[in-house]
Protein backbone atom coordinates (compact mmCIF):
# COMPACT_ATOMS: atom_id res chain seq x y z
CA MET A 1 -51.24 1.17 -120.53
CA ASP A 2 -48.24 3.49 -120.29
CA PHE A 3 -50.30 5.93 -118.21
CA ILE A 4 -51.05 3.25 -115.60
CA ALA A 5 -47.37 2.27 -115.31
CA LYS A 6 -46.34 5.91 -114.80
CA LYS A 7 -49.01 6.42 -112.17
CA MET A 8 -47.95 3.27 -110.28
CA ALA A 9 -44.31 4.32 -110.45
CA LYS A 10 -45.13 7.77 -109.05
CA GLN A 11 -47.13 6.22 -106.19
CA LYS A 12 -44.28 3.84 -105.37
CA LEU A 13 -41.75 6.68 -105.46
CA LYS A 14 -43.96 8.78 -103.17
CA SER A 15 -44.28 5.94 -100.67
CA LEU A 16 -40.49 5.42 -100.70
CA LYS A 17 -39.92 9.14 -100.08
CA ASP A 18 -42.41 9.12 -97.21
CA THR A 19 -40.73 6.06 -95.66
CA ALA A 20 -37.29 7.62 -95.96
CA SER A 21 -38.40 10.95 -94.50
CA ASP A 22 -40.12 9.15 -91.60
CA ALA A 23 -36.93 7.19 -90.91
CA LEU A 24 -34.84 10.36 -90.87
CA ASN A 25 -37.27 12.42 -88.79
CA THR A 26 -38.06 10.00 -86.00
CA SER A 27 -38.40 11.70 -82.65
CA GLY A 28 -36.69 8.84 -80.80
CA ASN A 29 -33.51 9.18 -82.85
CA LYS A 30 -30.69 10.22 -80.53
CA TYR A 31 -28.35 10.92 -83.44
CA LYS A 32 -28.96 14.45 -84.64
CA ILE A 33 -26.75 14.87 -87.70
CA ASP A 34 -26.13 18.27 -89.24
CA TRP A 35 -25.52 17.31 -92.87
CA THR A 36 -24.65 20.88 -93.83
CA ASP A 37 -21.61 20.97 -91.52
CA PHE A 38 -18.87 19.95 -93.96
CA ASN A 39 -15.82 19.27 -91.79
CA PHE A 40 -13.79 16.42 -93.30
CA PRO A 41 -11.01 16.08 -94.54
CA PRO A 42 -9.54 18.82 -92.37
CA LEU A 43 -8.21 21.24 -94.99
CA ILE A 44 -10.57 20.55 -97.87
CA LYS A 45 -13.89 20.04 -96.00
CA ILE A 46 -15.78 18.01 -98.61
CA TYR A 47 -18.26 16.09 -96.46
CA HIS A 48 -19.60 15.78 -92.91
CA PHE A 49 -17.96 13.31 -90.52
CA ASN A 50 -18.18 12.97 -86.77
CA MET A 51 -17.42 9.70 -84.95
CA GLU A 52 -19.89 10.58 -82.18
CA GLU A 53 -22.78 10.53 -84.66
CA ILE A 54 -22.09 6.99 -85.91
CA GLN A 55 -24.62 4.42 -84.78
CA GLU A 56 -23.49 1.43 -82.71
CA LEU A 57 -23.87 -1.12 -85.50
CA GLU A 58 -21.66 0.78 -87.93
CA TYR A 59 -19.19 2.15 -85.38
CA LYS A 60 -16.75 -0.78 -85.56
CA VAL A 61 -16.50 -0.70 -89.35
CA VAL A 62 -16.21 3.09 -89.55
CA SER A 63 -13.57 3.22 -86.83
CA LYS A 64 -11.46 0.60 -88.63
CA LEU A 65 -11.77 2.49 -91.91
CA TYR A 66 -10.79 5.71 -90.15
CA ILE A 67 -7.72 4.01 -88.65
CA CYS A 68 -6.76 2.75 -92.12
CA LEU A 69 -7.07 6.28 -93.47
CA LEU A 70 -4.85 7.65 -90.71
CA LEU A 71 -2.28 4.88 -91.26
CA THR A 72 -2.22 5.63 -94.98
CA CYS A 73 -1.60 9.32 -94.26
CA LEU A 74 1.11 8.42 -91.77
CA CYS A 75 2.85 6.08 -94.22
CA LEU A 76 2.78 8.67 -96.99
CA LEU A 77 4.21 11.36 -94.71
CA PHE A 78 6.89 8.99 -93.42
CA ASN A 79 7.80 8.08 -96.99
CA LEU A 80 8.09 11.75 -97.91
CA ILE A 81 10.33 12.47 -94.90
CA VAL A 82 12.59 9.49 -95.59
CA VAL A 83 13.05 10.38 -99.25
CA ILE A 84 13.75 14.05 -98.49
CA TYR A 85 16.28 13.00 -95.85
CA GLY A 86 17.84 10.57 -98.32
CA GLU A 87 17.99 13.27 -100.94
CA PHE A 88 20.05 15.55 -98.74
CA ALA A 89 22.07 12.96 -96.83
CA LEU A 90 22.76 10.33 -99.49
CA GLU A 91 22.39 12.45 -102.63
CA PHE A 92 19.55 10.68 -104.44
CA SER A 93 18.21 12.22 -107.60
CA ILE A 94 15.42 14.75 -107.53
CA LYS A 95 13.27 12.21 -109.39
CA SER A 96 12.69 10.33 -106.16
CA ILE A 97 11.22 13.39 -104.45
CA ILE A 98 8.99 14.09 -107.44
CA PHE A 99 7.87 10.45 -107.39
CA VAL A 100 6.99 10.62 -103.69
CA VAL A 101 5.05 13.87 -104.09
CA VAL A 102 3.11 12.43 -107.03
CA ASN A 103 2.35 9.29 -105.00
CA PHE A 104 1.23 11.46 -102.10
CA PHE A 105 -1.25 13.35 -104.29
CA ILE A 106 -2.52 10.13 -105.90
CA TRP A 107 -2.86 7.82 -102.90
CA LEU A 108 -4.18 10.29 -100.34
CA PRO A 109 -7.32 11.20 -102.32
CA LEU A 110 -7.88 7.51 -103.02
CA ALA A 111 -7.62 6.74 -99.31
CA VAL A 112 -10.12 9.51 -98.51
CA PHE A 113 -12.43 8.19 -101.24
CA ASN A 114 -12.17 4.69 -99.79
CA PHE A 115 -13.08 6.02 -96.36
């Protein structure tokens, strides 16, 4: 009985693989994605991302997520600049700069992960 279940599972897995490979290798697909070109985030280059390769159905969602990522980066940089300026102009403690740097290195990877 166990042999039959394993054989059926292997056949189902093979059919799923064939379906997936057919979907990825269709000749009418105008989106040619090079998955080995790791180019995002800019300095780390962990995964492949190109807005031109996004299909029409997903483009709106991906573009909004990308804008949220850029806004998060902008807010973190602005926060860092304001605190450094406050440190030198208004004589805050060094703890505030350390806090901002720690927040920068916590929230930026989370924002990239969310994207």
